[in-house]
């Protein structure tokens, strides 16, 4: 069995999809959580100066989506063919387009600018994307793609969980997103991880 070590900050963010996937696989992994003040000394040791970084038998890989996809294949949660893989990738790439607008808000240091960005996010960006995600899940049998659970669902819901630590009611109006959330967080191995993990920081 490979050995896994995940290096990421001491909060959920982009590290959590990988933690959930490793938990779903039911494999042991080292959850190496770093504090922000440690980052300057660690940054140069990562492949591209960013985290998360997953070490697989000592080999470093980065990019949270690529890692989740890799682990999804190991878990049998990829598509059954190239078209199904494309459907999963399309949804996650679209979700990451949405997530980039959240990242811009998250990193903004000027409070006035940040407030304006947040207003646009909550009044325009979130409704635009979430209405489409909600309808898509409804039309795909309650999942993001192909009418069945995939690594994309785990990635999607784990990131949304982090967003709800900032905006607690962000998914409340979206029936099918909420239903998918309930399915994923109650998967036995993921539920067990959520119950035992360190309390995530924002």
Protein backbone atom coordinates (compact mmCIF):
# COMPACT_ATOMS: atom_id res chain seq x y z
CA UNK A 1 0.00 0.00 0.00
CA UNK A 2 1.35 3.46 -0.86
CA UNK A 3 2.17 5.88 1.94
CA UNK A 4 0.46 9.26 1.81
CA UNK A 5 1.40 12.59 3.37
CA UNK A 6 -0.73 15.67 2.79
CA UNK A 7 0.73 19.10 3.50
CA UNK A 8 -1.70 21.98 3.78
CA UNK A 9 -2.65 24.81 6.10
CA UNK A 10 -4.46 24.14 9.36
CA UNK A 11 -7.93 24.67 7.91
CA UNK A 12 -10.21 23.03 5.38
CA UNK A 13 -9.87 24.92 2.08
CA UNK A 14 -8.31 23.03 -0.82
CA UNK A 15 -6.80 20.42 1.47
CA UNK A 16 -10.15 19.05 2.58
CA UNK A 17 -11.20 17.40 -0.72
CA UNK A 18 -7.98 15.37 -0.54
CA UNK A 19 -8.56 14.47 3.12
CA UNK A 20 -12.09 13.34 2.23
CA UNK A 21 -10.88 11.26 -0.72
CA UNK A 22 -8.17 9.56 1.35
CA UNK A 23 -10.75 8.89 4.05
CA UNK A 24 -13.16 7.45 1.48
CA UNK A 25 -10.37 5.15 0.31
CA UNK A 26 -9.90 4.13 3.96
CA UNK A 27 -6.13 4.46 3.77
CA UNK A 28 -3.89 5.91 6.48
CA UNK A 29 -2.32 9.27 5.70
CA UNK A 30 -0.23 11.86 7.47
CA UNK A 31 -2.26 15.05 7.81
CA UNK A 32 0.60 17.56 7.95
CA UNK A 33 -1.08 20.84 8.94
CA UNK A 34 1.06 23.95 8.84
CA UNK A 35 0.46 27.40 10.28
CA UNK A 36 0.73 30.49 8.10
CA UNK A 37 3.84 31.70 9.90
CA UNK A 38 5.59 28.46 8.88
CA UNK A 39 4.79 28.94 5.20
CA UNK A 40 7.81 31.09 4.18
CA UNK A 41 10.19 28.31 5.27
CA UNK A 42 8.13 25.56 3.60
CA UNK A 43 7.21 27.27 0.33
CA UNK A 44 10.53 26.59 -1.42
CA UNK A 45 10.24 22.86 -0.66
CA UNK A 46 7.02 22.49 -2.70
CA UNK A 47 6.99 21.86 -6.47
CA UNK A 48 5.46 25.23 -7.44
CA UNK A 49 5.45 27.20 -4.21
CA UNK A 50 1.90 26.28 -3.30
CA UNK A 51 -0.14 23.81 -1.29
CA UNK A 52 -1.81 21.37 -1.03
CA UNK A 53 0.98 18.94 -1.77
CA UNK A 54 0.42 15.19 -1.57
CA UNK A 55 3.39 12.90 -1.18
CA UNK A 56 2.83 9.41 -2.54
CA UNK A 57 5.65 7.13 -1.46
CA UNK A 58 7.76 10.27 -1.03
CA UNK A 59 6.96 11.71 -4.48
CA UNK A 60 5.41 15.16 -4.37
CA UNK A 61 2.40 16.13 -6.47
CA UNK A 62 0.32 19.31 -6.40
CA UNK A 63 -3.00 20.70 -7.71
CA UNK A 64 -6.02 19.74 -5.62
CA UNK A 65 -8.28 18.84 -8.54
CA UNK A 66 -5.70 16.60 -10.21
CA UNK A 67 -5.02 14.86 -6.89
CA UNK A 68 -8.75 14.35 -6.22
CA UNK A 69 -9.18 12.90 -9.72
CA UNK A 70 -6.23 10.54 -9.19
CA UNK A 71 -7.60 9.34 -5.86
CA UNK A 72 -11.07 9.09 -7.39
CA UNK A 73 -9.79 6.64 -9.97
CA UNK A 74 -8.25 4.57 -7.18
CA UNK A 75 -11.58 4.62 -5.35
CA UNK A 76 -13.63 3.58 -8.38
CA UNK A 77 -15.29 7.00 -8.48
CA UNK A 78 -14.20 8.04 -11.96
CA UNK A 79 -16.42 7.76 -15.03
CA UNK A 80 -17.10 4.45 -16.73
CA UNK A 81 -15.82 5.80 -20.03
CA UNK A 82 -14.22 8.91 -21.55
CA UNK A 83 -17.54 10.71 -21.94
CA UNK A 84 -18.44 10.20 -18.29
CA UNK A 85 -14.99 11.44 -17.27
CA UNK A 86 -15.60 14.52 -19.42
CA UNK A 87 -18.92 15.17 -17.70
CA UNK A 88 -17.27 15.09 -14.27
CA UNK A 89 -14.37 17.29 -15.40
CA UNK A 90 -16.75 19.80 -17.00
CA UNK A 91 -18.67 20.26 -13.77
CA UNK A 92 -15.55 20.57 -11.61
CA UNK A 93 -13.85 22.98 -13.99
CA UNK A 94 -17.03 25.11 -13.95
CA UNK A 95 -17.13 24.92 -10.16
CA UNK A 96 -13.49 26.04 -10.05
CA UNK A 97 -14.40 29.03 -12.22
CA UNK A 98 -16.91 29.93 -9.52
CA UNK A 99 -14.38 29.21 -6.78
CA UNK A 100 -11.88 31.66 -8.32
CA UNK A 101 -14.29 34.51 -7.58
CA UNK A 102 -14.43 33.37 -3.95
CA UNK A 103 -10.63 33.26 -3.85
CA UNK A 104 -10.43 36.82 -5.12
CA UNK A 105 -12.72 37.95 -2.28
CA UNK A 106 -10.84 35.83 0.27
CA UNK A 107 -7.46 37.37 -0.60
CA UNK A 108 -8.60 41.00 -0.81
CA UNK A 109 -7.04 43.03 2.00
CA UNK A 110 -8.81 46.36 1.49
CA UNK A 111 -12.02 46.21 3.55
CA UNK A 112 -14.08 48.53 1.34
CA UNK A 113 -13.15 46.62 -1.81
CA UNK A 114 -13.78 43.33 -0.05
CA UNK A 115 -17.27 44.41 1.00
CA UNK A 116 -18.15 45.34 -2.59
CA UNK A 117 -16.80 42.02 -3.84
CA UNK A 118 -18.86 40.17 -1.25
CA UNK A 119 -22.05 41.99 -2.26
CA UNK A 120 -21.49 41.01 -5.89
CA UNK A 121 -20.70 37.44 -4.89
CA UNK A 122 -23.79 36.91 -2.78
CA UNK A 123 -26.23 38.85 -4.96
CA UNK A 124 -25.03 37.86 -8.43
CA UNK A 125 -22.30 35.22 -8.66
CA UNK A 126 -23.66 32.70 -6.17
CA UNK A 127 -27.24 32.75 -7.50
CA UNK A 128 -26.03 32.46 -11.11
CA UNK A 129 -23.88 29.40 -10.48
CA UNK A 130 -25.92 27.74 -7.74
CA UNK A 131 -29.15 27.83 -9.70
CA UNK A 132 -27.36 26.10 -12.56
CA UNK A 133 -25.65 23.56 -10.25
CA UNK A 134 -28.96 22.89 -8.53
CA UNK A 135 -30.76 22.20 -11.83
CA UNK A 136 -27.88 20.10 -13.11
CA UNK A 137 -27.91 17.91 -10.00
CA UNK A 138 -31.69 17.52 -10.30
CA UNK A 139 -31.32 16.42 -13.93
CA UNK A 140 -28.52 13.95 -13.10
CA UNK A 141 -30.33 11.82 -10.58
CA UNK A 142 -29.10 13.79 -7.57
CA UNK A 143 -25.41 13.88 -8.52
CA UNK A 144 -23.11 16.24 -10.39
CA UNK A 145 -22.67 13.91 -13.34
CA UNK A 146 -23.71 10.62 -14.87
CA UNK A 147 -26.44 9.87 -12.32
CA UNK A 148 -24.03 8.36 -9.79
CA UNK A 149 -21.53 9.24 -7.09
CA UNK A 150 -18.14 10.40 -8.38
CA UNK A 151 -15.01 12.01 -7.02
CA UNK A 152 -16.48 15.26 -8.35
CA UNK A 153 -19.32 15.13 -5.83
CA UNK A 154 -16.85 14.71 -2.96
CA UNK A 155 -14.67 17.56 -4.23
CA UNK A 156 -17.69 19.83 -4.75
CA UNK A 157 -19.28 19.22 -1.36
CA UNK A 158 -16.04 19.43 0.61
CA UNK A 159 -15.34 22.89 -0.82
CA UNK A 160 -18.93 23.97 -0.23
CA UNK A 161 -18.59 22.86 3.38
CA UNK A 162 -15.70 25.27 3.78
CA UNK A 163 -17.78 28.05 2.25
CA UNK A 164 -20.56 27.42 4.79
CA UNK A 165 -18.09 28.25 7.56
CA UNK A 166 -18.05 31.76 6.06
CA UNK A 167 -21.68 32.04 4.88
CA UNK A 168 -23.70 29.52 6.88
CA UNK A 169 -26.82 29.70 4.72
CA UNK A 170 -25.17 29.75 1.30
CA UNK A 171 -26.83 26.51 0.09
CA UNK A 172 -30.10 26.73 2.02
CA UNK A 173 -32.21 27.82 -0.96
CA UNK A 174 -30.92 25.06 -3.24
CA UNK A 175 -32.82 21.84 -2.60
CA UNK A 176 -30.76 19.53 -4.77
CA UNK A 177 -27.39 20.89 -3.68
CA UNK A 178 -28.48 20.38 -0.07
CA UNK A 179 -29.60 16.82 -0.82
CA UNK A 180 -26.26 16.01 -2.45
CA UNK A 181 -24.49 17.54 0.53
CA UNK A 182 -26.41 15.22 2.87
CA UNK A 183 -25.51 12.17 0.78
CA UNK A 184 -21.79 12.96 0.72
CA UNK A 185 -21.28 13.97 4.34
CA UNK A 186 -23.07 10.80 5.42
CA UNK A 187 -20.90 8.42 3.42
CA UNK A 188 -19.59 6.23 6.28
CA UNK A 189 -15.85 6.85 5.84
CA UNK A 190 -16.30 10.56 5.22
CA UNK A 191 -18.69 10.89 8.15
CA UNK A 192 -16.10 9.18 10.36
CA UNK A 193 -13.42 11.62 9.18
CA UNK A 194 -15.62 14.64 9.85
CA UNK A 195 -16.30 13.39 13.37
CA UNK A 196 -12.65 12.84 14.26
CA UNK A 197 -10.78 15.57 12.35
CA UNK A 198 -9.29 18.63 14.03
CA UNK A 199 -11.74 21.52 14.12
CA UNK A 200 -11.08 23.32 10.82
CA UNK A 201 -10.04 26.94 10.93
CA UNK A 202 -11.42 29.42 8.41
